[in-house]
Amino acid sequence: MKISYDQQADAMYIELIEGVDQVRTVQLSDDIALDFGKGEILVGIEILDAKENIGKGQIPPIILENLKYEFA
């Protein structure tokens, strides 16, 4: 998973599955869209006006809990 933030555009993209080129996008609102890949698997989430939509005016801290890292 990769989380990208464009400060100039105030846009965040959460890429859940890498390398998926063809997606179907579903707009949940003017600012939030879900990207689905083959088999209707959720592959990404786009959030526009991110500071207001998820951070009450600022980008919130990212907290990772209960994750195990496996290295190949």
PDB file of N, CA and C in Angstrom:
ATOM      1  N   MET A   1       0.847  -1.169   0.000  1.00  0.00           N
ATOM      2  CA  MET A   1       0.000   0.000   0.000  1.00  0.00           C
ATOM      3  C   MET A   1       0.891   1.230   0.000  1.00  0.00           C
ATOM      4  N   LYS A   2       0.445   2.253  -0.735  1.00  0.00           N
ATOM      5  CA  LYS A   2       1.194   3.499  -0.805  1.00  0.00           C
ATOM      6  C   LYS A   2       0.214   4.656  -0.661  1.00  0.00           C
ATOM      7  N   ILE A   3       0.572   5.622   0.186  1.00  0.00           N
ATOM      8  CA  ILE A   3      -0.235   6.822   0.360  1.00  0.00           C
ATOM      9  C   ILE A   3       0.563   7.997  -0.182  1.00  0.00           C
ATOM     10  N   SER A   4      -0.028   8.716  -1.134  1.00  0.00           N
ATOM     11  CA  SER A   4       0.630   9.874  -1.745  1.00  0.00           C
ATOM     12  C   SER A   4      -0.190  11.117  -1.458  1.00  0.00           C
ATOM     13  N   TYR A   5       0.507  12.223  -1.210  1.00  0.00           N
ATOM     14  CA  TYR A   5      -0.172  13.496  -0.977  1.00  0.00           C
ATOM     15  C   TYR A   5       0.474  14.569  -1.823  1.00  0.00           C
ATOM     16  N   ASP A   6      -0.339  15.299  -2.578  1.00  0.00           N
ATOM     17  CA  ASP A   6       0.115  16.422  -3.384  1.00  0.00           C
ATOM     18  C   ASP A   6      -0.307  17.686  -2.648  1.00  0.00           C
ATOM     19  N   GLN A   7       0.665  18.370  -2.047  1.00  0.00           N
ATOM     20  CA  GLN A   7       0.368  19.536  -1.220  1.00  0.00           C
ATOM     21  C   GLN A   7      -0.238  20.669  -2.046  1.00  0.00           C
ATOM     22  N   GLN A   8       0.265  20.874  -3.262  1.00  0.00           N
ATOM     23  CA  GLN A   8      -0.235  21.963  -4.097  1.00  0.00           C
ATOM     24  C   GLN A   8      -1.706  21.756  -4.461  1.00  0.00           C
ATOM     25  N   ALA A   9      -2.076  20.530  -4.792  1.00  0.00           N
ATOM     26  CA  ALA A   9      -3.456  20.213  -5.173  1.00  0.00           C
ATOM     27  C   ALA A   9      -4.322  19.865  -3.968  1.00  0.00           C
ATOM     28  N   ASP A  10      -3.697  19.654  -2.805  1.00  0.00           N
ATOM     29  CA  ASP A  10      -4.375  19.166  -1.590  1.00  0.00           C
ATOM     30  C   ASP A  10      -5.170  17.905  -1.912  1.00  0.00           C
ATOM     31  N   ALA A  11      -4.485  16.961  -2.586  1.00  0.00           N
ATOM     32  CA  ALA A  11      -5.110  15.704  -2.998  1.00  0.00           C
ATOM     33  C   ALA A  11      -4.314  14.530  -2.441  1.00  0.00           C
ATOM     34  N   MET A  12      -5.030  13.532  -1.957  1.00  0.00           N
ATOM     35  CA  MET A  12      -4.400  12.329  -1.408  1.00  0.00           C
ATOM     36  C   MET A  12      -4.876  11.126  -2.220  1.00  0.00           C
ATOM     37  N   TYR A  13      -3.955  10.203  -2.458  1.00  0.00           N
ATOM     38  CA  TYR A  13      -4.326   8.949  -3.115  1.00  0.00           C
ATOM     39  C   TYR A  13      -3.784   7.798  -2.288  1.00  0.00           C
ATOM     40  N   ILE A  14      -4.665   6.887  -1.954  1.00  0.00           N
ATOM     41  CA  ILE A  14      -4.288   5.689  -1.202  1.00  0.00           C
ATOM     42  C   ILE A  14      -4.343   4.532  -2.189  1.00  0.00           C
ATOM     43  N   GLU A  15      -3.169   4.049  -2.572  1.00  0.00           N
ATOM     44  CA  GLU A  15      -3.067   2.947  -3.521  1.00  0.00           C
ATOM     45  C   GLU A  15      -3.009   1.644  -2.717  1.00  0.00           C
ATOM     46  N   LEU A  16      -4.068   0.873  -2.794  1.00  0.00           N
ATOM     47  CA  LEU A  16      -4.167  -0.364  -2.022  1.00  0.00           C
ATOM     48  C   LEU A  16      -3.472  -1.524  -2.717  1.00  0.00           C
ATOM     49  N   ILE A  17      -3.550  -1.560  -4.057  1.00  0.00           N
ATOM     50  CA  ILE A  17      -2.930  -2.615  -4.845  1.00  0.00           C
ATOM     51  C   ILE A  17      -2.147  -1.962  -5.968  1.00  0.00           C
ATOM     52  N   GLU A  18      -0.853  -2.251  -6.039  1.00  0.00           N
ATOM     53  CA  GLU A  18       0.008  -1.641  -7.049  1.00  0.00           C
ATOM     54  C   GLU A  18      -0.124  -2.333  -8.399  1.00  0.00           C
ATOM     55  N   GLY A  19       0.135  -1.572  -9.469  1.00  0.00           N
ATOM     56  CA  GLY A  19       0.254  -2.132 -10.801  1.00  0.00           C
ATOM     57  C   GLY A  19      -1.045  -2.409 -11.527  1.00  0.00           C
ATOM     58  N   VAL A  20      -2.151  -1.881 -11.052  1.00  0.00           N
ATOM     59  CA  VAL A  20      -3.424  -2.089 -11.735  1.00  0.00           C
ATOM     60  C   VAL A  20      -3.670  -0.875 -12.626  1.00  0.00           C
ATOM     61  N   ASP A  21      -3.693  -1.108 -13.952  1.00  0.00           N
ATOM     62  CA  ASP A  21      -3.835  -0.003 -14.889  1.00  0.00           C
ATOM     63  C   ASP A  21      -5.285   0.315 -15.236  1.00  0.00           C
ATOM     64  N   GLN A  22      -6.070  -0.682 -15.494  1.00  0.00           N
ATOM     65  CA  GLN A  22      -7.452  -0.457 -15.898  1.00  0.00           C
ATOM     66  C   GLN A  22      -8.355  -0.525 -14.687  1.00  0.00           C
ATOM     67  N   VAL A  23      -9.026   0.586 -14.429  1.00  0.00           N
ATOM     68  CA  VAL A  23      -9.912   0.638 -13.278  1.00  0.00           C
ATOM     69  C   VAL A  23     -11.243   1.275 -13.657  1.00  0.00           C
ATOM     70  N   ARG A  24     -12.201   1.017 -12.831  1.00  0.00           N
ATOM     71  CA  ARG A  24     -13.504   1.677 -12.922  1.00  0.00           C
ATOM     72  C   ARG A  24     -13.579   2.592 -11.719  1.00  0.00           C
ATOM     73  N   THR A  25     -13.907   3.842 -11.934  1.00  0.00           N
ATOM     74  CA  THR A  25     -13.958   4.817 -10.850  1.00  0.00           C
ATOM     75  C   THR A  25     -15.399   5.092 -10.471  1.00  0.00           C
ATOM     76  N   VAL A  26     -15.658   5.063  -9.165  1.00  0.00           N
ATOM     77  CA  VAL A  26     -16.974   5.370  -8.622  1.00  0.00           C
ATOM     78  C   VAL A  26     -16.832   6.613  -7.758  1.00  0.00           C
ATOM     79  N   GLN A  27     -17.562   7.664  -8.109  1.00  0.00           N
ATOM     80  CA  GLN A  27     -17.537   8.906  -7.330  1.00  0.00           C
ATOM     81  C   GLN A  27     -18.481   8.774  -6.137  1.00  0.00           C
ATOM     82  N   LEU A  28     -17.939   8.847  -4.934  1.00  0.00           N
ATOM     83  CA  LEU A  28     -18.785   8.837  -3.743  1.00  0.00           C
ATOM     84  C   LEU A  28     -19.325  10.226  -3.455  1.00  0.00           C
ATOM     85  N   SER A  29     -18.524  11.242  -3.792  1.00  0.00           N
ATOM     86  CA  SER A  29     -18.910  12.640  -3.641  1.00  0.00           C
ATOM     87  C   SER A  29     -18.066  13.441  -4.619  1.00  0.00           C
ATOM     88  N   ASP A  30     -18.180  14.754  -4.595  1.00  0.00           N
ATOM     89  CA  ASP A  30     -17.353  15.585  -5.470  1.00  0.00           C
ATOM     90  C   ASP A  30     -15.871  15.417  -5.145  1.00  0.00           C
ATOM     91  N   ASP A  31     -15.544  15.056  -3.912  1.00  0.00           N
ATOM     92  CA  ASP A  31     -14.156  15.005  -3.461  1.00  0.00           C
ATOM     93  C   ASP A  31     -13.588  13.609  -3.243  1.00  0.00           C
ATOM     94  N   ILE A  32     -14.414  12.582  -3.244  1.00  0.00           N
ATOM     95  CA  ILE A  32     -13.942  11.233  -2.923  1.00  0.00           C
ATOM     96  C   ILE A  32     -14.355  10.254  -4.014  1.00  0.00           C
ATOM     97  N   ALA A  33     -13.335   9.498  -4.510  1.00  0.00           N
ATOM     98  CA  ALA A  33     -13.586   8.511  -5.560  1.00  0.00           C
ATOM     99  C   ALA A  33     -12.903   7.193  -5.197  1.00  0.00           C
ATOM    100  N   LEU A  34     -13.546   6.097  -5.560  1.00  0.00           N
ATOM    101  CA  LEU A  34     -12.995   4.759  -5.361  1.00  0.00           C
ATOM    102  C   LEU A  34     -12.620   4.184  -6.715  1.00  0.00           C
ATOM    103  N   ASP A  35     -11.446   3.584  -6.803  1.00  0.00           N
ATOM    104  CA  ASP A  35     -10.997   2.929  -8.031  1.00  0.00           C
ATOM    105  C   ASP A  35     -11.049   1.415  -7.847  1.00  0.00           C
ATOM    106  N   PHE A  36     -11.712   0.753  -8.782  1.00  0.00           N
ATOM    107  CA  PHE A  36     -11.852  -0.695  -8.750  1.00  0.00           C
ATOM    108  C   PHE A  36     -11.125  -1.303  -9.934  1.00  0.00           C
ATOM    109  N   GLY A  37     -10.468  -2.426  -9.708  1.00  0.00           N
ATOM    110  CA  GLY A  37      -9.802  -3.165 -10.761  1.00  0.00           C
ATOM    111  C   GLY A  37     -10.642  -4.343 -11.205  1.00  0.00           C
ATOM    112  N   LYS A  38     -10.015  -5.215 -11.970  1.00  0.00           N
ATOM    113  CA  LYS A  38     -10.679  -6.409 -12.470  1.00  0.00           C
ATOM    114  C   LYS A  38     -11.242  -7.210 -11.309  1.00  0.00           C
ATOM    115  N   GLY A  39     -12.445  -7.712 -11.468  1.00  0.00           N
ATOM    116  CA  GLY A  39     -13.091  -8.479 -10.414  1.00  0.00           C
ATOM    117  C   GLY A  39     -13.676  -7.602  -9.318  1.00  0.00           C
ATOM    118  N   GLU A  40     -13.792  -6.303  -9.602  1.00  0.00           N
ATOM    119  CA  GLU A  40     -14.356  -5.341  -8.656  1.00  0.00           C
ATOM    120  C   GLU A  40     -13.572  -5.279  -7.340  1.00  0.00           C
ATOM    121  N   ILE A  41     -12.255  -5.450  -7.432  1.00  0.00           N
ATOM    122  CA  ILE A  41     -11.391  -5.335  -6.258  1.00  0.00           C
ATOM    123  C   ILE A  41     -11.026  -3.870  -6.072  1.00  0.00           C
ATOM    124  N   LEU A  42     -11.213  -3.352  -4.875  1.00  0.00           N
ATOM    125  CA  LEU A  42     -10.859  -1.972  -4.573  1.00  0.00           C
ATOM    126  C   LEU A  42      -9.349  -1.824  -4.624  1.00  0.00           C
ATOM    127  N   VAL A  43      -8.861  -0.942  -5.518  1.00  0.00           N
ATOM    128  CA  VAL A  43      -7.422  -0.777  -5.694  1.00  0.00           C
ATOM    129  C   VAL A  43      -6.921   0.591  -5.239  1.00  0.00           C
ATOM    130  N   GLY A  44      -7.810   1.567  -5.099  1.00  0.00           N
ATOM    131  CA  GLY A  44      -7.352   2.878  -4.679  1.00  0.00           C
ATOM    132  C   GLY A  44      -8.480   3.794  -4.250  1.00  0.00           C
ATOM    133  N   ILE A  45      -8.101   4.815  -3.472  1.00  0.00           N
ATOM    134  CA  ILE A  45      -9.044   5.806  -2.980  1.00  0.00           C
ATOM    135  C   ILE A  45      -8.433   7.185  -3.228  1.00  0.00           C
ATOM    136  N   GLU A  46      -9.169   8.044  -3.921  1.00  0.00           N
ATOM    137  CA  GLU A  46      -8.719   9.413  -4.165  1.00  0.00           C
ATOM    138  C   GLU A  46      -9.527  10.368  -3.296  1.00  0.00           C
ATOM    139  N   ILE A  47      -8.825  11.280  -2.622  1.00  0.00           N
ATOM    140  CA  ILE A  47      -9.478  12.259  -1.762  1.00  0.00           C
ATOM    141  C   ILE A  47      -8.989  13.646  -2.162  1.00  0.00           C
ATOM    142  N   LEU A  48      -9.892  14.446  -2.713  1.00  0.00           N
ATOM    143  CA  LEU A  48      -9.591  15.824  -3.047  1.00  0.00           C
ATOM    144  C   LEU A  48      -9.951  16.712  -1.863  1.00  0.00           C
ATOM    145  N   ASP A  49      -9.331  17.888  -1.792  1.00  0.00           N
ATOM    146  CA  ASP A  49      -9.535  18.790  -0.649  1.00  0.00           C
ATOM    147  C   ASP A  49      -9.311  18.002   0.645  1.00  0.00           C
ATOM    148  N   ALA A  50      -8.197  17.273   0.648  1.00  0.00           N
ATOM    149  CA  ALA A  50      -7.899  16.303   1.703  1.00  0.00           C
ATOM    150  C   ALA A  50      -7.851  16.911   3.105  1.00  0.00           C
ATOM    151  N   LYS A  51      -7.270  18.089   3.228  1.00  0.00           N
ATOM    152  CA  LYS A  51      -7.162  18.697   4.564  1.00  0.00           C
ATOM    153  C   LYS A  51      -8.526  18.878   5.209  1.00  0.00           C
ATOM    154  N   GLU A  52      -9.505  19.292   4.432  1.00  0.00           N
ATOM    155  CA  GLU A  52     -10.844  19.501   4.981  1.00  0.00           C
ATOM    156  C   GLU A  52     -11.622  18.196   5.129  1.00  0.00           C
ATOM    157  N   ASN A  53     -11.472  17.289   4.156  1.00  0.00           N
ATOM    158  CA  ASN A  53     -12.261  16.063   4.168  1.00  0.00           C
ATOM    159  C   ASN A  53     -11.818  15.052   5.216  1.00  0.00           C
ATOM    160  N   ILE A  54     -10.522  14.997   5.523  1.00  0.00           N
ATOM    161  CA  ILE A  54     -10.086  13.989   6.494  1.00  0.00           C
ATOM    162  C   ILE A  54      -9.287  14.550   7.657  1.00  0.00           C
ATOM    163  N   GLY A  55      -8.920  15.840   7.603  1.00  0.00           N
ATOM    164  CA  GLY A  55      -8.023  16.337   8.632  1.00  0.00           C
ATOM    165  C   GLY A  55      -8.459  17.563   9.379  1.00  0.00           C
ATOM    166  N   LYS A  56      -9.691  18.018   9.195  1.00  0.00           N
ATOM    167  CA  LYS A  56     -10.176  19.208   9.883  1.00  0.00           C
ATOM    168  C   LYS A  56      -9.220  20.387   9.716  1.00  0.00           C
ATOM    169  N   GLY A  57      -8.738  20.584   8.477  1.00  0.00           N
ATOM    170  CA  GLY A  57      -7.888  21.718   8.178  1.00  0.00           C
ATOM    171  C   GLY A  57      -6.409  21.423   8.080  1.00  0.00           C
ATOM    172  N   GLN A  58      -5.990  20.217   8.412  1.00  0.00           N
ATOM    173  CA  GLN A  58      -4.588  19.832   8.284  1.00  0.00           C
ATOM    174  C   GLN A  58      -4.496  18.351   7.953  1.00  0.00           C
ATOM    175  N   ILE A  59      -3.364  17.938   7.430  1.00  0.00           N
ATOM    176  CA  ILE A  59      -3.184  16.523   7.137  1.00  0.00           C
ATOM    177  C   ILE A  59      -3.006  15.787   8.460  1.00  0.00           C
ATOM    178  N   PRO A  60      -3.832  14.770   8.706  1.00  0.00           N
ATOM    179  CA  PRO A  60      -3.728  14.047   9.978  1.00  0.00           C
ATOM    180  C   PRO A  60      -2.501  13.136  10.014  1.00  0.00           C
ATOM    181  N   PRO A  61      -2.030  12.822  11.208  1.00  0.00           N
ATOM    182  CA  PRO A  61      -0.921  11.868  11.306  1.00  0.00           C
ATOM    183  C   PRO A  61      -1.376  10.484  10.834  1.00  0.00           C
ATOM    184  N   ILE A  62      -0.439   9.710  10.343  1.00  0.00           N
ATOM    185  CA  ILE A  62      -0.739   8.347   9.904  1.00  0.00           C
ATOM    186  C   ILE A  62      -0.227   7.392  10.971  1.00  0.00           C
ATOM    187  N   ILE A  63      -1.105   6.565  11.459  1.00  0.00           N
ATOM    188  CA  ILE A  63      -0.767   5.610  12.513  1.00  0.00           C
ATOM    189  C   ILE A  63      -0.985   4.208  11.965  1.00  0.00           C
ATOM    190  N   LEU A  64       0.037   3.387  12.037  1.00  0.00           N
ATOM    191  CA  LEU A  64      -0.063   2.001  11.597  1.00  0.00           C
ATOM    192  C   LEU A  64      -0.113   1.118  12.835  1.00  0.00           C
ATOM    193  N   GLU A  65      -1.123   0.282  12.914  1.00  0.00           N
ATOM    194  CA  GLU A  65      -1.278  -0.597  14.072  1.00  0.00           C
ATOM    195  C   GLU A  65      -1.340  -2.054  13.639  1.00  0.00           C
ATOM    196  N   ASN A  66      -0.758  -2.900  14.432  1.00  0.00           N
ATOM    197  CA  ASN A  66      -0.866  -4.352  14.264  1.00  0.00           C
ATOM    198  C   ASN A  66      -0.474  -4.841  12.877  1.00  0.00           C
ATOM    199  N   LEU A  67       0.564  -4.257  12.317  1.00  0.00           N
ATOM    200  CA  LEU A  67       1.029  -4.686  11.005  1.00  0.00           C
ATOM    201  C   LEU A  67       2.327  -5.466  11.150  1.00  0.00           C
ATOM    202  N   LYS A  68       2.394  -6.548  10.415  1.00  0.00           N
ATOM    203  CA  LYS A  68       3.624  -7.336  10.367  1.00  0.00           C
ATOM    204  C   LYS A  68       4.246  -7.093   9.012  1.00  0.00           C
ATOM    205  N   TYR A  69       5.518  -6.803   8.983  1.00  0.00           N
ATOM    206  CA  TYR A  69       6.234  -6.589   7.730  1.00  0.00           C
ATOM    207  C   TYR A  69       6.942  -7.858   7.337  1.00  0.00           C
ATOM    208  N   GLU A  70       6.739  -8.270   6.109  1.00  0.00           N
ATOM    209  CA  GLU A  70       7.430  -9.439   5.585  1.00  0.00           C
ATOM    210  C   GLU A  70       8.292  -8.993   4.427  1.00  0.00           C
ATOM    211  N   PHE A  71       9.554  -9.321   4.465  1.00  0.00           N
ATOM    212  CA  PHE A  71      10.460  -8.943   3.400  1.00  0.00           C
ATOM    213  C   PHE A  71      10.805 -10.191   2.589  1.00  0.00           C
ATOM    214  N   ALA A  72      10.752 -10.020   1.278  1.00  0.00           N
ATOM    215  CA  ALA A  72      11.039 -11.148   0.386  1.00  0.00           C
ATOM    216  C   ALA A  72      12.521 -11.371   0.260  1.00  0.00           C
TER     217      ALA A  72
END
